[in-house]
Protein backbone atom coordinates (compact mmCIF):
# COMPACT_ATOMS: atom_id res chain seq x y z
CA MET A 1 62.59 36.97 55.45
CA ILE A 2 64.39 37.10 52.52
CA GLN A 3 62.34 37.09 49.14
CA THR A 4 63.12 34.49 46.41
CA PHE A 5 62.32 34.23 43.15
CA THR A 6 61.70 30.54 41.10
CA ARG A 7 64.03 30.25 37.86
CA LYS A 8 65.08 27.20 36.05
CA ARG A 9 68.47 25.31 36.64
CA ILE A 10 69.98 23.35 33.59
CA ASP A 11 72.25 20.71 34.00
CA ILE A 12 73.90 19.40 30.66
CA LEU A 13 76.68 16.60 30.78
CA VAL A 14 78.41 16.93 27.58
CA ASP A 15 81.80 15.54 26.12
CA ALA A 16 84.49 18.01 26.66
CA PRO A 17 85.46 18.66 23.25
CA LEU A 18 81.80 20.32 22.64
CA THR A 19 81.67 22.85 25.54
CA ASP A 20 82.29 25.53 23.22
CA TRP A 21 79.54 24.93 21.31
CA LEU A 22 77.39 24.24 23.94
CA VAL A 23 78.83 27.90 25.63
CA GLU A 24 77.52 29.16 22.37
CA LYS A 25 74.36 27.58 22.01
CA ALA A 26 73.57 28.89 25.71
CA ARG A 27 74.53 32.63 24.42
CA GLN A 28 72.31 32.61 21.78
CA ALA A 29 69.25 31.20 23.82
CA GLY A 30 70.33 34.46 26.17
CA ILE A 31 71.85 32.71 28.82
CA PRO A 32 75.66 34.01 29.12
CA HIS A 33 76.02 33.18 32.54
CA HIS A 34 77.20 29.27 33.42
CA SER A 35 79.72 26.99 35.18
CA LEU A 36 81.59 24.26 33.50
CA LEU A 37 82.26 21.37 36.48
CA PRO A 38 84.50 18.90 35.59
CA VAL A 39 83.31 15.27 35.95
CA HIS A 40 85.52 12.36 36.93
CA SER A 41 83.32 9.14 35.90
CA GLY A 42 80.10 7.64 35.30
CA GLU A 43 78.16 4.42 34.27
CA GLY A 44 75.69 4.90 31.18
CA ARG A 45 74.32 2.91 28.88
CA SER A 46 77.73 2.02 27.44
CA GLY A 47 79.42 1.23 30.41
CA THR A 48 81.12 2.81 33.03
CA TRP A 49 83.92 5.35 32.22
CA ARG A 50 86.64 7.76 33.75
CA ASP A 51 88.67 10.81 32.20
CA ASP A 52 91.78 9.57 32.94
CA ASP A 53 91.09 5.62 31.99
CA GLY A 54 93.29 5.73 29.05
CA PHE A 55 91.30 3.77 26.72
CA GLY A 56 89.84 6.21 24.23
CA SER A 57 86.98 7.65 27.08
CA VAL A 58 86.22 11.21 26.26
CA ALA A 59 86.26 13.68 29.19
CA LYS A 60 82.89 14.96 30.47
CA ARG A 61 81.86 18.32 31.71
CA MET A 62 78.61 19.44 33.70
CA PHE A 63 77.47 22.48 32.24
CA VAL A 64 75.23 24.16 34.92
CA ALA A 65 73.35 27.45 34.38
CA VAL A 66 70.03 29.40 35.94
CA SER A 67 67.88 31.61 34.02
CA ASN A 68 63.78 32.03 33.35
CA GLU A 69 61.78 29.25 32.04
CA GLU A 70 61.83 31.10 28.43
CA LYS A 71 65.32 31.43 27.96
CA VAL A 72 65.91 27.78 29.04
CA GLY A 73 63.41 26.46 26.93
CA HIS A 74 64.91 28.71 23.75
CA LEU A 75 68.01 26.78 24.88
CA LEU A 76 66.39 23.39 24.72
CA GLU A 77 64.70 24.34 21.06
CA LEU A 78 68.46 24.78 19.80
CA LEU A 79 69.69 21.85 21.34
CA ALA A 80 67.22 19.22 20.29
CA PRO A 81 68.62 18.36 16.99
CA ARG A 82 72.24 17.39 18.77
CA ILE A 83 70.67 15.41 21.84
CA GLU A 84 70.81 12.32 20.16
CA THR A 85 73.46 13.02 18.24
CA HIS A 86 76.23 14.57 20.83
CA GLY A 87 75.00 12.28 23.93
CA LEU A 88 73.86 15.34 25.93
CA VAL A 89 72.34 14.31 29.42
CA ILE A 90 69.96 17.17 30.03
CA THR A 91 68.14 18.25 33.45
CA VAL A 92 65.80 21.20 34.04
CA TYR A 93 64.31 21.92 37.21
CA ASP A 94 62.72 24.86 39.61
CA VAL A 95 65.31 26.59 42.11
CA GLU A 96 64.65 29.27 44.52
CA VAL A 97 67.26 31.99 43.75
CA ILE A 98 67.54 35.66 45.70
CA ARG A 99 68.30 38.89 43.30
CA GLY A 100 65.69 37.04 40.88
CA GLU A 101 66.64 39.99 38.22
CA ARG A 102 69.82 38.54 37.74
CA PHE A 103 68.55 35.44 36.01
């Protein structure tokens, strides 16, 4: 059986114009590897939105990274002052990975 290691996955829904800022914060926390995924549409407290609706909606991205608990905790501390003002939606959960030394 292949050995697995428990790590943390962090997903952050962010307005597309803030992705460079978010990536820099992740680097500061020691998390240089990530993926940015386009998000087509959604619904939140302000109602429904689509990235192409033409009514002033801001395109969204999903930042996805896997790292150890310490680095993810550091990233959360760096983001804490801006979670509300930047409208970040953050989830953190345990995942099993292969090649744990990479995370």
